[in-house]
């Protein structure tokens, strides 16, 4: 019984590692396998808490894009932006923005 549990864990870890390599994505397990994602993605898409960009202040330096650990296009306010549901609200982008164009 214990051996089966260890095998399952090993299989899931191997699958996650393989996905990460194949998709060149360090969060492949979270995005594609984790069952919690089914509930979190829709909620984060319609969330009122999100990083917003004041496009008048933005100088397009792209420091926010380089800093974001989730590779979210934080300088694009569209709800359909790439990885719109991937933002974890760490606010690293707001800290590096030289013009303070990003706010939560």
PDB file of N, CA and C in Angstrom:
ATOM      1  N   UNK A   1       0.825  -1.197   0.000  1.00  0.00           N
ATOM      2  CA  UNK A   1       0.000   0.000   0.000  1.00  0.00           C
ATOM      3  C   UNK A   1       0.869   1.261   0.000  1.00  0.00           C
ATOM      4  N   UNK A   2       1.874   1.277   0.868  1.00  0.00           N
ATOM      5  CA  UNK A   2       2.761   2.421   0.955  1.00  0.00           C
ATOM      6  C   UNK A   2       3.592   2.563  -0.321  1.00  0.00           C
ATOM      7  N   UNK A   3       3.954   1.431  -0.917  1.00  0.00           N
ATOM      8  CA  UNK A   3       4.720   1.442  -2.158  1.00  0.00           C
ATOM      9  C   UNK A   3       3.925   2.069  -3.290  1.00  0.00           C
ATOM     10  N   UNK A   4       2.626   1.798  -3.347  1.00  0.00           N
ATOM     11  CA  UNK A   4       1.754   2.376  -4.383  1.00  0.00           C
ATOM     12  C   UNK A   4       1.688   3.895  -4.239  1.00  0.00           C
ATOM     13  N   UNK A   5       1.613   4.361  -3.013  1.00  0.00           N
ATOM     14  CA  UNK A   5       1.550   5.797  -2.755  1.00  0.00           C
ATOM     15  C   UNK A   5       2.838   6.482  -3.210  1.00  0.00           C
ATOM     16  N   UNK A   6       3.953   5.853  -2.917  1.00  0.00           N
ATOM     17  CA  UNK A   6       5.251   6.395  -3.330  1.00  0.00           C
ATOM     18  C   UNK A   6       5.352   6.415  -4.847  1.00  0.00           C
ATOM     19  N   UNK A   7       4.865   5.368  -5.506  1.00  0.00           N
ATOM     20  CA  UNK A   7       4.892   5.315  -6.964  1.00  0.00           C
ATOM     21  C   UNK A   7       4.028   6.413  -7.582  1.00  0.00           C
ATOM     22  N   UNK A   8       2.865   6.651  -6.993  1.00  0.00           N
ATOM     23  CA  UNK A   8       1.992   7.719  -7.501  1.00  0.00           C
ATOM     24  C   UNK A   8       2.654   9.086  -7.379  1.00  0.00           C
ATOM     25  N   UNK A   9       3.247   9.321  -6.222  1.00  0.00           N
ATOM     26  CA  UNK A   9       3.937  10.598  -6.001  1.00  0.00           C
ATOM     27  C   UNK A   9       5.086  10.743  -6.991  1.00  0.00           C
ATOM     28  N   UNK A  10       5.837   9.681  -7.188  1.00  0.00           N
ATOM     29  CA  UNK A  10       6.950   9.721  -8.139  1.00  0.00           C
ATOM     30  C   UNK A  10       6.456   9.975  -9.555  1.00  0.00           C
ATOM     31  N   UNK A  11       5.323   9.357  -9.917  1.00  0.00           N
ATOM     32  CA  UNK A  11       4.759   9.559 -11.254  1.00  0.00           C
ATOM     33  C   UNK A  11       4.326  11.005 -11.451  1.00  0.00           C
ATOM     34  N   UNK A  12       3.650  11.574 -10.455  1.00  0.00           N
ATOM     35  CA  UNK A  12       3.187  12.966 -10.559  1.00  0.00           C
ATOM     36  C   UNK A  12       4.387  13.911 -10.645  1.00  0.00           C
ATOM     37  N   UNK A  13       5.404  13.662  -9.865  1.00  0.00           N
ATOM     38  CA  UNK A  13       6.598  14.522  -9.916  1.00  0.00           C
ATOM     39  C   UNK A  13       7.305  14.398 -11.264  1.00  0.00           C
ATOM     40  N   UNK A  14       7.380  13.185 -11.794  1.00  0.00           N
ATOM     41  CA  UNK A  14       7.990  12.976 -13.102  1.00  0.00           C
ATOM     42  C   UNK A  14       7.171  13.666 -14.197  1.00  0.00           C
ATOM     43  N   UNK A  15       5.844  13.572 -14.098  1.00  0.00           N
ATOM     44  CA  UNK A  15       4.978  14.241 -15.077  1.00  0.00           C
ATOM     45  C   UNK A  15       5.148  15.758 -15.009  1.00  0.00           C
ATOM     46  N   UNK A  16       5.187  16.302 -13.809  1.00  0.00           N
ATOM     47  CA  UNK A  16       5.367  17.749 -13.648  1.00  0.00           C
ATOM     48  C   UNK A  16       6.718  18.194 -14.190  1.00  0.00           C
ATOM     49  N   UNK A  17       7.752  17.442 -13.884  1.00  0.00           N
ATOM     50  CA  UNK A  17       9.098  17.769 -14.365  1.00  0.00           C
ATOM     51  C   UNK A  17       9.160  17.685 -15.888  1.00  0.00           C
ATOM     52  N   UNK A  18       8.548  16.653 -16.456  1.00  0.00           N
ATOM     53  CA  UNK A  18       8.526  16.494 -17.917  1.00  0.00           C
ATOM     54  C   UNK A  18       7.777  17.633 -18.589  1.00  0.00           C
ATOM     55  N   UNK A  19       6.624  18.011 -18.025  1.00  0.00           N
ATOM     56  CA  UNK A  19       5.866  19.138 -18.580  1.00  0.00           C
ATOM     57  C   UNK A  19       6.674  20.423 -18.524  1.00  0.00           C
ATOM     58  N   UNK A  20       7.352  20.635 -17.412  1.00  0.00           N
ATOM     59  CA  UNK A  20       8.155  21.850 -17.266  1.00  0.00           C
ATOM     60  C   UNK A  20       9.237  21.920 -18.333  1.00  0.00           C
ATOM     61  N   UNK A  21       9.855  20.794 -18.624  1.00  0.00           N
ATOM     62  CA  UNK A  21      10.904  20.772 -19.647  1.00  0.00           C
ATOM     63  C   UNK A  21      10.306  20.933 -21.048  1.00  0.00           C
ATOM     64  N   UNK A  22       9.264  20.162 -21.342  1.00  0.00           N
ATOM     65  CA  UNK A  22       8.653  20.204 -22.678  1.00  0.00           C
ATOM     66  C   UNK A  22       8.061  21.573 -23.011  1.00  0.00           C
ATOM     67  N   UNK A  23       7.398  22.188 -22.034  1.00  0.00           N
ATOM     68  CA  UNK A  23       6.726  23.465 -22.272  1.00  0.00           C
ATOM     69  C   UNK A  23       7.594  24.665 -21.912  1.00  0.00           C
ATOM     70  N   UNK A  24       8.804  24.398 -21.430  1.00  0.00           N
ATOM     71  CA  UNK A  24       9.708  25.464 -20.989  1.00  0.00           C
ATOM     72  C   UNK A  24       8.994  26.404 -20.009  1.00  0.00           C
ATOM     73  N   UNK A  25       8.335  25.800 -19.044  1.00  0.00           N
ATOM     74  CA  UNK A  25       7.510  26.544 -18.093  1.00  0.00           C
ATOM     75  C   UNK A  25       7.738  25.956 -16.702  1.00  0.00           C
ATOM     76  N   UNK A  26       8.251  26.758 -15.782  1.00  0.00           N
ATOM     77  CA  UNK A  26       8.548  26.252 -14.445  1.00  0.00           C
ATOM     78  C   UNK A  26       7.297  26.036 -13.589  1.00  0.00           C
ATOM     79  N   UNK A  27       6.135  26.457 -14.058  1.00  0.00           N
ATOM     80  CA  UNK A  27       4.886  26.261 -13.317  1.00  0.00           C
ATOM     81  C   UNK A  27       3.919  25.367 -14.083  1.00  0.00           C
ATOM     82  N   UNK A  28       4.426  24.457 -14.880  1.00  0.00           N
ATOM     83  CA  UNK A  28       3.586  23.599 -15.714  1.00  0.00           C
ATOM     84  C   UNK A  28       2.607  22.774 -14.874  1.00  0.00           C
ATOM     85  N   UNK A  29       3.070  22.233 -13.760  1.00  0.00           N
ATOM     86  CA  UNK A  29       2.170  21.438 -12.925  1.00  0.00           C
ATOM     87  C   UNK A  29       1.000  22.285 -12.431  1.00  0.00           C
ATOM     88  N   UNK A  30       1.306  23.476 -11.941  1.00  0.00           N
ATOM     89  CA  UNK A  30       0.254  24.361 -11.425  1.00  0.00           C
ATOM     90  C   UNK A  30      -0.759  24.745 -12.502  1.00  0.00           C
ATOM     91  N   UNK A  31      -0.273  24.985 -13.693  1.00  0.00           N
ATOM     92  CA  UNK A  31      -1.142  25.446 -14.775  1.00  0.00           C
ATOM     93  C   UNK A  31      -1.971  24.341 -15.409  1.00  0.00           C
ATOM     94  N   UNK A  32      -1.412  23.142 -15.548  1.00  0.00           N
ATOM     95  CA  UNK A  32      -2.054  22.120 -16.367  1.00  0.00           C
ATOM     96  C   UNK A  32      -2.546  20.895 -15.612  1.00  0.00           C
ATOM     97  N   UNK A  33      -2.017  20.619 -14.436  1.00  0.00           N
ATOM     98  CA  UNK A  33      -2.390  19.390 -13.732  1.00  0.00           C
ATOM     99  C   UNK A  33      -3.150  19.659 -12.434  1.00  0.00           C
ATOM    100  N   UNK A  34      -2.764  20.661 -11.707  1.00  0.00           N
ATOM    101  CA  UNK A  34      -3.336  20.924 -10.383  1.00  0.00           C
ATOM    102  C   UNK A  34      -4.852  21.146 -10.467  1.00  0.00           C
ATOM    103  N   UNK A  35      -5.640  20.410  -9.683  1.00  0.00           N
ATOM    104  CA  UNK A  35      -7.103  20.557  -9.747  1.00  0.00           C
ATOM    105  C   UNK A  35      -7.609  21.883  -9.173  1.00  0.00           C
ATOM    106  N   UNK A  36      -6.837  22.522  -8.350  1.00  0.00           N
ATOM    107  CA  UNK A  36      -7.261  23.794  -7.770  1.00  0.00           C
ATOM    108  C   UNK A  36      -7.363  24.872  -8.845  1.00  0.00           C
ATOM    109  N   UNK A  37      -6.574  24.749  -9.895  1.00  0.00           N
ATOM    110  CA  UNK A  37      -6.580  25.715 -10.991  1.00  0.00           C
ATOM    111  C   UNK A  37      -7.963  25.875 -11.609  1.00  0.00           C
ATOM    112  N   UNK A  38      -8.726  24.794 -11.633  1.00  0.00           N
ATOM    113  CA  UNK A  38     -10.072  24.825 -12.211  1.00  0.00           C
ATOM    114  C   UNK A  38     -10.926  25.897 -11.532  1.00  0.00           C
ATOM    115  N   UNK A  39     -10.744  26.082 -10.242  1.00  0.00           N
ATOM    116  CA  UNK A  39     -11.533  27.063  -9.501  1.00  0.00           C
ATOM    117  C   UNK A  39     -10.887  28.443  -9.475  1.00  0.00           C
ATOM    118  N   UNK A  40      -9.567  28.488  -9.416  1.00  0.00           N
ATOM    119  CA  UNK A  40      -8.878  29.766  -9.276  1.00  0.00           C
ATOM    120  C   UNK A  40      -8.840  30.588 -10.561  1.00  0.00           C
ATOM    121  N   UNK A  41      -8.703  29.941 -11.708  1.00  0.00           N
ATOM    122  CA  UNK A  41      -8.604  30.679 -12.976  1.00  0.00           C
ATOM    123  C   UNK A  41      -9.818  31.575 -13.226  1.00  0.00           C
ATOM    124  N   UNK A  42     -11.050  31.043 -13.170  1.00  0.00           N
ATOM    125  CA  UNK A  42     -12.212  31.922 -13.408  1.00  0.00           C
ATOM    126  C   UNK A  42     -12.330  33.051 -12.384  1.00  0.00           C
ATOM    127  N   UNK A  43     -12.010  32.743 -11.125  1.00  0.00           N
ATOM    128  CA  UNK A  43     -12.105  33.778 -10.093  1.00  0.00           C
ATOM    129  C   UNK A  43     -11.075  34.878 -10.324  1.00  0.00           C
ATOM    130  N   UNK A  44      -9.876  34.521 -10.722  1.00  0.00           N
ATOM    131  CA  UNK A  44      -8.849  35.545 -10.934  1.00  0.00           C
ATOM    132  C   UNK A  44      -9.132  36.359 -12.202  1.00  0.00           C
ATOM    133  N   UNK A  45      -9.801  35.745 -13.174  1.00  0.00           N
ATOM    134  CA  UNK A  45     -10.135  36.476 -14.401  1.00  0.00           C
ATOM    135  C   UNK A  45     -11.097  37.626 -14.102  1.00  0.00           C
ATOM    136  N   UNK A  46     -12.071  37.396 -13.230  1.00  0.00           N
ATOM    137  CA  UNK A  46     -13.062  38.420 -12.900  1.00  0.00           C
ATOM    138  C   UNK A  46     -12.732  39.188 -11.623  1.00  0.00           C
ATOM    139  N   UNK A  47     -11.567  38.987 -11.086  1.00  0.00           N
ATOM    140  CA  UNK A  47     -11.185  39.634  -9.840  1.00  0.00           C
ATOM    141  C   UNK A  47     -11.093  41.156  -9.983  1.00  0.00           C
ATOM    142  N   UNK A  48     -11.473  41.838  -8.927  1.00  0.00           N
ATOM    143  CA  UNK A  48     -11.344  43.296  -8.901  1.00  0.00           C
ATOM    144  C   UNK A  48      -9.927  43.698  -8.511  1.00  0.00           C
ATOM    145  N   UNK A  49      -9.232  42.808  -7.816  1.00  0.00           N
ATOM    146  CA  UNK A  49      -7.840  43.060  -7.443  1.00  0.00           C
ATOM    147  C   UNK A  49      -6.943  42.649  -8.599  1.00  0.00           C
ATOM    148  N   UNK A  50      -6.314  43.609  -9.194  1.00  0.00           N
ATOM    149  CA  UNK A  50      -5.366  43.343 -10.276  1.00  0.00           C
ATOM    150  C   UNK A  50      -4.450  44.538 -10.418  1.00  0.00           C
ATOM    151  N   UNK A  51      -3.313  44.313 -11.035  1.00  0.00           N
ATOM    152  CA  UNK A  51      -2.368  45.386 -11.294  1.00  0.00           C
ATOM    153  C   UNK A  51      -2.880  46.170 -12.501  1.00  0.00           C
ATOM    154  N   UNK A  52      -2.993  47.476 -12.329  1.00  0.00           N
ATOM    155  CA  UNK A  52      -3.459  48.331 -13.421  1.00  0.00           C
ATOM    156  C   UNK A  52      -2.341  49.274 -13.845  1.00  0.00           C
ATOM    157  N   UNK A  53      -2.306  49.552 -15.132  1.00  0.00           N
ATOM    158  CA  UNK A  53      -1.271  50.417 -15.677  1.00  0.00           C
ATOM    159  C   UNK A  53      -1.888  51.734 -16.142  1.00  0.00           C
ATOM    160  N   UNK A  54      -1.341  52.836 -15.649  1.00  0.00           N
ATOM    161  CA  UNK A  54      -1.735  54.155 -16.132  1.00  0.00           C
ATOM    162  C   UNK A  54      -0.902  54.409 -17.391  1.00  0.00           C
ATOM    163  N   UNK A  55      -1.516  54.214 -18.538  1.00  0.00           N
ATOM    164  CA  UNK A  55      -0.770  54.271 -19.800  1.00  0.00           C
ATOM    165  C   UNK A  55      -0.234  55.667 -20.121  1.00  0.00           C
ATOM    166  N   UNK A  56      -0.786  56.698 -19.492  1.00  0.00           N
ATOM    167  CA  UNK A  56      -0.246  58.049 -19.691  1.00  0.00           C
ATOM    168  C   UNK A  56       1.107  58.212 -18.997  1.00  0.00           C
ATOM    169  N   UNK A  57       1.296  57.518 -17.871  1.00  0.00           N
ATOM    170  CA  UNK A  57       2.556  57.591 -17.130  1.00  0.00           C
ATOM    171  C   UNK A  57       3.596  56.605 -17.641  1.00  0.00           C
ATOM    172  N   UNK A  58       3.146  55.539 -18.262  1.00  0.00           N
ATOM    173  CA  UNK A  58       4.051  54.469 -18.696  1.00  0.00           C
ATOM    174  C   UNK A  58       4.996  54.960 -19.796  1.00  0.00           C
ATOM    175  N   UNK A  59       6.292  54.690 -19.608  1.00  0.00           N
ATOM    176  CA  UNK A  59       7.297  55.110 -20.610  1.00  0.00           C
ATOM    177  C   UNK A  59       7.788  53.923 -21.447  1.00  0.00           C
ATOM    178  N   UNK A  60       7.137  52.764 -21.291  1.00  0.00           N
ATOM    179  CA  UNK A  60       7.433  51.560 -22.081  1.00  0.00           C
ATOM    180  C   UNK A  60       8.879  51.058 -21.893  1.00  0.00           C
ATOM    181  N   UNK A  61       9.379  51.171 -20.678  1.00  0.00           N
ATOM    182  CA  UNK A  61      10.747  50.716 -20.399  1.00  0.00           C
ATOM    183  C   UNK A  61      10.824  49.194 -20.258  1.00  0.00           C
ATOM    184  N   UNK A  62       9.693  48.557 -20.003  1.00  0.00           N
ATOM    185  CA  UNK A  62       9.553  47.103 -19.898  1.00  0.00           C
ATOM    186  C   UNK A  62      10.241  46.491 -18.668  1.00  0.00           C
ATOM    187  N   UNK A  63      10.595  47.331 -17.694  1.00  0.00           N
ATOM    188  CA  UNK A  63      11.192  46.801 -16.458  1.00  0.00           C
ATOM    189  C   UNK A  63      10.202  45.894 -15.738  1.00  0.00           C
ATOM    190  N   UNK A  64       8.924  46.264 -15.791  1.00  0.00           N
ATOM    191  CA  UNK A  64       7.897  45.456 -15.130  1.00  0.00           C
ATOM    192  C   UNK A  64       7.805  44.071 -15.752  1.00  0.00           C
ATOM    193  N   UNK A  65       7.929  43.986 -17.058  1.00  0.00           N
ATOM    194  CA  UNK A  65       7.836  42.695 -17.748  1.00  0.00           C
ATOM    195  C   UNK A  65       9.034  41.808 -17.431  1.00  0.00           C
ATOM    196  N   UNK A  66      10.196  42.414 -17.297  1.00  0.00           N
ATOM    197  CA  UNK A  66      11.402  41.633 -16.979  1.00  0.00           C
ATOM    198  C   UNK A  66      11.391  41.156 -15.524  1.00  0.00           C
ATOM    199  N   UNK A  67      10.741  41.897 -14.651  1.00  0.00           N
ATOM    200  CA  UNK A  67      10.734  41.579 -13.226  1.00  0.00           C
ATOM    201  C   UNK A  67       9.663  40.560 -12.852  1.00  0.00           C
ATOM    202  N   UNK A  68       8.571  40.536 -13.569  1.00  0.00           N
ATOM    203  CA  UNK A  68       7.441  39.677 -13.215  1.00  0.00           C
ATOM    204  C   UNK A  68       7.845  38.200 -13.221  1.00  0.00           C
ATOM    205  N   UNK A  69       7.709  37.514 -12.070  1.00  0.00           N
ATOM    206  CA  UNK A  69       8.079  36.098 -12.020  1.00  0.00           C
ATOM    207  C   UNK A  69       7.111  35.203 -12.792  1.00  0.00           C
ATOM    208  N   UNK A  70       5.947  35.721 -13.134  1.00  0.00           N
ATOM    209  CA  UNK A  70       4.929  34.931 -13.824  1.00  0.00           C
ATOM    210  C   UNK A  70       4.853  35.256 -15.314  1.00  0.00           C
ATOM    211  N   UNK A  71       5.681  36.150 -15.790  1.00  0.00           N
ATOM    212  CA  UNK A  71       5.688  36.575 -17.200  1.00  0.00           C
ATOM    213  C   UNK A  71       4.334  37.121 -17.654  1.00  0.00           C
ATOM    214  N   UNK A  72       3.701  37.901 -16.799  1.00  0.00           N
ATOM    215  CA  UNK A  72       2.416  38.513 -17.125  1.00  0.00           C
ATOM    216  C   UNK A  72       2.668  39.860 -17.792  1.00  0.00           C
ATOM    217  N   UNK A  73       1.878  40.175 -18.787  1.00  0.00           N
ATOM    218  CA  UNK A  73       1.985  41.484 -19.456  1.00  0.00           C
ATOM    219  C   UNK A  73       1.243  42.514 -18.605  1.00  0.00           C
ATOM    220  N   UNK A  74       1.895  42.970 -17.549  1.00  0.00           N
ATOM    221  CA  UNK A  74       1.240  43.870 -16.597  1.00  0.00           C
ATOM    222  C   UNK A  74       1.008  45.259 -17.161  1.00  0.00           C
ATOM    223  N   UNK A  75       1.684  45.608 -18.234  1.00  0.00           N
ATOM    224  CA  UNK A  75       1.493  46.944 -18.810  1.00  0.00           C
ATOM    225  C   UNK A  75       0.319  46.988 -19.780  1.00  0.00           C
ATOM    226  N   UNK A  76      -0.429  45.898 -19.870  1.00  0.00           N
ATOM    227  CA  UNK A  76      -1.606  45.816 -20.734  1.00  0.00           C
ATOM    228  C   UNK A  76      -2.825  45.610 -19.839  1.00  0.00           C
ATOM    229  N   UNK A  77      -3.753  46.559 -19.816  1.00  0.00           N
ATOM    230  CA  UNK A  77      -4.895  46.487 -18.914  1.00  0.00           C
ATOM    231  C   UNK A  77      -6.024  45.581 -19.388  1.00  0.00           C
ATOM    232  N   UNK A  78      -5.931  45.042 -20.560  1.00  0.00           N
ATOM    233  CA  UNK A  78      -6.992  44.209 -21.116  1.00  0.00           C
ATOM    234  C   UNK A  78      -7.198  42.952 -20.282  1.00  0.00           C
ATOM    235  N   UNK A  79      -8.447  42.565 -20.042  1.00  0.00           N
ATOM    236  CA  UNK A  79      -8.725  41.314 -19.329  1.00  0.00           C
ATOM    237  C   UNK A  79      -8.323  40.119 -20.176  1.00  0.00           C
ATOM    238  N   UNK A  80      -8.203  40.314 -21.473  1.00  0.00           N
ATOM    239  CA  UNK A  80      -7.810  39.200 -22.343  1.00  0.00           C
ATOM    240  C   UNK A  80      -6.299  39.175 -22.568  1.00  0.00           C
ATOM    241  N   UNK A  81      -5.554  39.958 -21.780  1.00  0.00           N
ATOM    242  CA  UNK A  81      -4.101  40.000 -21.943  1.00  0.00           C
ATOM    243  C   UNK A  81      -3.503  38.614 -21.742  1.00  0.00           C
ATOM    244  N   UNK A  82      -2.332  38.416 -22.312  1.00  0.00           N
ATOM    245  CA  UNK A  82      -1.641  37.139 -22.154  1.00  0.00           C
ATOM    246  C   UNK A  82      -1.424  36.863 -20.669  1.00  0.00           C
ATOM    247  N   UNK A  83      -1.763  35.673 -20.254  1.00  0.00           N
ATOM    248  CA  UNK A  83      -1.597  35.246 -18.863  1.00  0.00           C
ATOM    249  C   UNK A  83      -2.387  36.104 -17.872  1.00  0.00           C
ATOM    250  N   UNK A  84      -3.548  36.576 -18.266  1.00  0.00           N
ATOM    251  CA  UNK A  84      -4.334  37.451 -17.395  1.00  0.00           C
ATOM    252  C   UNK A  84      -4.635  36.808 -16.053  1.00  0.00           C
ATOM    253  N   UNK A  85      -4.779  35.513 -16.026  1.00  0.00           N
ATOM    254  CA  UNK A  85      -5.109  34.837 -14.774  1.00  0.00           C
ATOM    255  C   UNK A  85      -3.879  34.342 -14.028  1.00  0.00           C
ATOM    256  N   UNK A  86      -2.702  34.622 -14.532  1.00  0.00           N
ATOM    257  CA  UNK A  86      -1.478  34.104 -13.924  1.00  0.00           C
ATOM    258  C   UNK A  86      -0.879  35.021 -12.865  1.00  0.00           C
ATOM    259  N   UNK A  87      -1.314  36.259 -12.794  1.00  0.00           N
ATOM    260  CA  UNK A  87      -0.742  37.210 -11.845  1.00  0.00           C
ATOM    261  C   UNK A  87      -0.983  36.746 -10.407  1.00  0.00           C
ATOM    262  N   UNK A  88       0.073  36.733  -9.602  1.00  0.00           N
ATOM    263  CA  UNK A  88      -0.042  36.323  -8.207  1.00  0.00           C
ATOM    264  C   UNK A  88      -0.020  37.533  -7.263  1.00  0.00           C
ATOM    265  N   UNK A  89      -0.109  38.714  -7.824  1.00  0.00           N
ATOM    266  CA  UNK A  89      -0.145  39.968  -7.061  1.00  0.00           C
ATOM    267  C   UNK A  89       1.047  40.129  -6.108  1.00  0.00           C
ATOM    268  N   UNK A  90       2.206  39.735  -6.569  1.00  0.00           N
ATOM    269  CA  UNK A  90       3.410  39.898  -5.744  1.00  0.00           C
ATOM    270  C   UNK A  90       3.862  41.360  -5.709  1.00  0.00           C
ATOM    271  N   UNK A  91       3.436  42.129  -6.684  1.00  0.00           N
ATOM    272  CA  UNK A  91       3.708  43.563  -6.819  1.00  0.00           C
ATOM    273  C   UNK A  91       5.182  43.891  -7.052  1.00  0.00           C
ATOM    274  N   UNK A  92       5.953  42.937  -7.541  1.00  0.00           N
ATOM    275  CA  UNK A  92       7.342  43.219  -7.893  1.00  0.00           C
ATOM    276  C   UNK A  92       7.404  44.251  -9.012  1.00  0.00           C
ATOM    277  N   UNK A  93       6.436  44.175  -9.922  1.00  0.00           N
ATOM    278  CA  UNK A  93       6.404  45.116 -11.053  1.00  0.00           C
ATOM    279  C   UNK A  93       6.169  46.550 -10.575  1.00  0.00           C
ATOM    280  N   UNK A  94       5.320  46.719  -9.565  1.00  0.00           N
ATOM    281  CA  UNK A  94       5.041  48.069  -9.068  1.00  0.00           C
ATOM    282  C   UNK A  94       6.263  48.676  -8.382  1.00  0.00           C
ATOM    283  N   UNK A  95       7.104  47.827  -7.803  1.00  0.00           N
ATOM    284  CA  UNK A  95       8.300  48.302  -7.104  1.00  0.00           C
ATOM    285  C   UNK A  95       9.379  48.796  -8.063  1.00  0.00           C
ATOM    286  N   UNK A  96       9.464  48.187  -9.251  1.00  0.00           N
ATOM    287  CA  UNK A  96      10.530  48.566 -10.184  1.00  0.00           C
ATOM    288  C   UNK A  96      10.100  49.632 -11.191  1.00  0.00           C
ATOM    289  N   UNK A  97       8.819  49.946 -11.236  1.00  0.00           N
ATOM    290  CA  UNK A  97       8.334  50.932 -12.205  1.00  0.00           C
ATOM    291  C   UNK A  97       8.885  52.316 -11.874  1.00  0.00           C
ATOM    292  N   UNK A  98       9.683  52.908 -12.760  1.00  0.00           N
ATOM    293  CA  UNK A  98      10.301  54.214 -12.464  1.00  0.00           C
ATOM    294  C   UNK A  98       9.302  55.367 -12.425  1.00  0.00           C
ATOM    295  N   UNK A  99       8.176  55.241 -13.108  1.00  0.00           N
ATOM    296  CA  UNK A  99       7.198  56.338 -13.140  1.00  0.00           C
ATOM    297  C   UNK A  99       5.974  56.068 -12.272  1.00  0.00           C
ATOM    298  N   UNK A 100       5.990  54.938 -11.558  1.00  0.00           N
ATOM    299  CA  UNK A 100       4.863  54.540 -10.705  1.00  0.00           C
ATOM    300  C   UNK A 100       3.552  54.461 -11.499  1.00  0.00           C
ATOM    301  N   UNK A 101       3.638  53.925 -12.716  1.00  0.00           N
ATOM    302  CA  UNK A 101       2.470  53.784 -13.574  1.00  0.00           C
ATOM    303  C   UNK A 101       1.623  52.578 -13.201  1.00  0.00           C
ATOM    304  N   UNK A 102       2.180  51.665 -12.436  1.00  0.00           N
ATOM    305  CA  UNK A 102       1.455  50.444 -12.045  1.00  0.00           C
ATOM    306  C   UNK A 102       0.953  50.552 -10.611  1.00  0.00           C
ATOM    307  N   UNK A 103      -0.311  50.194 -10.450  1.00  0.00           N
ATOM    308  CA  UNK A 103      -0.945  50.224  -9.119  1.00  0.00           C
ATOM    309  C   UNK A 103      -1.858  49.027  -8.975  1.00  0.00           C
ATOM    310  N   UNK A 104      -2.038  48.604  -7.731  1.00  0.00           N
ATOM    311  CA  UNK A 104      -2.928  47.485  -7.447  1.00  0.00           C
ATOM    312  C   UNK A 104      -4.282  48.009  -6.990  1.00  0.00           C
TER     313      UNK A 104
END
